[in-house]
Amino acid sequence: MEIGETFEETAKREVLEETGLQVKEIQLFGIYSGETCFVTYPNGD
């Protein structure tokens, strides 16, 4: 995030920078953060 930027503005900017696609509408589908959200897969990743 840049100073003064909203989460929505950040998401739209990052998609444009990484893919060249311009996002018109977004919808939050989940937030996954914190110690309880870490997963170790059977292969160790």
N, C-alpha and C. Protein backbone atom coordinates (compact mmCIF):
# COMPACT_ATOMS: atom_id res chain seq x y z
N MET A 1 0.83 -1.18 0.00
CA MET A 1 0.00 0.00 0.00
C MET A 1 0.88 1.24 0.00
N GLU A 2 0.40 2.22 -0.73
CA GLU A 2 1.04 3.52 -0.71
C GLU A 2 0.34 4.39 0.33
N ILE A 3 1.02 5.39 0.84
CA ILE A 3 0.44 6.28 1.84
C ILE A 3 -0.82 6.93 1.26
N GLY A 4 -1.91 6.87 2.01
CA GLY A 4 -3.17 7.47 1.60
C GLY A 4 -4.02 6.61 0.68
N GLU A 5 -3.54 5.41 0.35
CA GLU A 5 -4.25 4.53 -0.57
C GLU A 5 -5.18 3.60 0.22
N THR A 6 -6.38 3.35 -0.32
CA THR A 6 -7.30 2.41 0.32
C THR A 6 -6.92 0.99 -0.11
N PHE A 7 -7.49 -0.01 0.59
CA PHE A 7 -7.26 -1.40 0.21
C PHE A 7 -7.73 -1.65 -1.22
N GLU A 8 -8.89 -1.10 -1.57
CA GLU A 8 -9.43 -1.29 -2.91
C GLU A 8 -8.52 -0.67 -3.97
N GLU A 9 -8.05 0.53 -3.73
CA GLU A 9 -7.14 1.18 -4.67
C GLU A 9 -5.86 0.38 -4.82
N THR A 10 -5.35 -0.13 -3.71
CA THR A 10 -4.13 -0.94 -3.75
C THR A 10 -4.33 -2.19 -4.59
N ALA A 11 -5.43 -2.89 -4.37
CA ALA A 11 -5.70 -4.12 -5.12
C ALA A 11 -5.80 -3.83 -6.62
N LYS A 12 -6.53 -2.79 -6.98
CA LYS A 12 -6.69 -2.45 -8.39
C LYS A 12 -5.35 -2.08 -9.03
N ARG A 13 -4.54 -1.29 -8.32
CA ARG A 13 -3.25 -0.87 -8.84
C ARG A 13 -2.31 -2.07 -9.02
N GLU A 14 -2.29 -2.95 -8.03
CA GLU A 14 -1.41 -4.12 -8.10
C GLU A 14 -1.80 -5.04 -9.25
N VAL A 15 -3.09 -5.27 -9.46
CA VAL A 15 -3.53 -6.10 -10.58
C VAL A 15 -3.08 -5.46 -11.90
N LEU A 16 -3.26 -4.16 -12.03
CA LEU A 16 -2.84 -3.46 -13.25
C LEU A 16 -1.34 -3.58 -13.47
N GLU A 17 -0.56 -3.37 -12.42
CA GLU A 17 0.90 -3.45 -12.53
C GLU A 17 1.37 -4.85 -12.90
N GLU A 18 0.77 -5.86 -12.31
CA GLU A 18 1.24 -7.24 -12.50
C GLU A 18 0.70 -7.91 -13.75
N THR A 19 -0.50 -7.52 -14.20
CA THR A 19 -1.12 -8.23 -15.32
C THR A 19 -1.48 -7.35 -16.51
N GLY A 20 -1.54 -6.04 -16.30
CA GLY A 20 -1.98 -5.15 -17.36
C GLY A 20 -3.50 -5.07 -17.47
N LEU A 21 -4.21 -5.78 -16.58
CA LEU A 21 -5.67 -5.77 -16.60
C LEU A 21 -6.19 -4.68 -15.69
N GLN A 22 -7.25 -4.00 -16.12
CA GLN A 22 -7.84 -2.95 -15.30
C GLN A 22 -9.09 -3.49 -14.62
N VAL A 23 -9.08 -3.48 -13.30
CA VAL A 23 -10.19 -3.98 -12.49
C VAL A 23 -11.21 -2.87 -12.33
N LYS A 24 -12.47 -3.20 -12.60
CA LYS A 24 -13.54 -2.21 -12.44
C LYS A 24 -14.29 -2.39 -11.14
N GLU A 25 -14.52 -3.65 -10.76
CA GLU A 25 -15.29 -3.93 -9.56
C GLU A 25 -14.63 -5.07 -8.80
N ILE A 26 -14.50 -4.93 -7.48
CA ILE A 26 -13.93 -6.00 -6.67
C ILE A 26 -14.85 -6.30 -5.50
N GLN A 27 -14.73 -7.52 -4.97
CA GLN A 27 -15.52 -7.93 -3.82
C GLN A 27 -14.63 -8.71 -2.87
N LEU A 28 -14.67 -8.37 -1.61
CA LEU A 28 -13.89 -9.07 -0.59
C LEU A 28 -14.48 -10.46 -0.37
N PHE A 29 -13.64 -11.48 -0.45
CA PHE A 29 -14.12 -12.84 -0.21
C PHE A 29 -13.46 -13.48 0.99
N GLY A 30 -12.50 -12.84 1.59
CA GLY A 30 -11.89 -13.37 2.81
C GLY A 30 -10.59 -12.69 3.14
N ILE A 31 -10.27 -12.69 4.40
CA ILE A 31 -8.99 -12.17 4.87
C ILE A 31 -8.33 -13.29 5.66
N TYR A 32 -7.13 -13.62 5.27
CA TYR A 32 -6.40 -14.72 5.90
C TYR A 32 -5.08 -14.17 6.43
N SER A 33 -5.01 -14.01 7.73
CA SER A 33 -3.84 -13.40 8.33
C SER A 33 -3.69 -13.89 9.76
N GLY A 34 -2.48 -13.82 10.25
CA GLY A 34 -2.23 -14.16 11.64
C GLY A 34 -1.63 -15.53 11.81
N GLU A 35 -1.24 -15.83 13.03
CA GLU A 35 -0.56 -17.09 13.35
C GLU A 35 -1.42 -18.31 13.06
N THR A 36 -2.72 -18.21 13.21
CA THR A 36 -3.60 -19.36 13.01
C THR A 36 -3.80 -19.69 11.53
N CYS A 37 -3.34 -18.84 10.65
CA CYS A 37 -3.55 -19.06 9.22
C CYS A 37 -2.36 -19.69 8.52
N PHE A 38 -1.32 -20.05 9.26
CA PHE A 38 -0.17 -20.70 8.65
C PHE A 38 -0.44 -22.20 8.54
N VAL A 39 -0.10 -22.76 7.40
CA VAL A 39 -0.35 -24.18 7.13
C VAL A 39 0.95 -24.82 6.71
N THR A 40 1.22 -26.02 7.21
CA THR A 40 2.36 -26.82 6.73
C THR A 40 1.79 -28.02 6.00
N TYR A 41 2.13 -28.13 4.73
CA TYR A 41 1.64 -29.21 3.90
C TYR A 41 2.48 -30.48 4.14
N PRO A 42 1.94 -31.63 3.75
CA PRO A 42 2.65 -32.89 3.96
C PRO A 42 4.08 -32.90 3.39
N ASN A 43 4.33 -32.14 2.32
CA ASN A 43 5.67 -32.11 1.74
C ASN A 43 6.61 -31.13 2.47
N GLY A 44 6.12 -30.49 3.54
CA GLY A 44 6.95 -29.59 4.32
C GLY A 44 6.83 -28.13 3.96
N ASP A 45 6.19 -27.83 2.83
CA ASP A 45 6.01 -26.42 2.44
C ASP A 45 5.09 -25.71 3.41
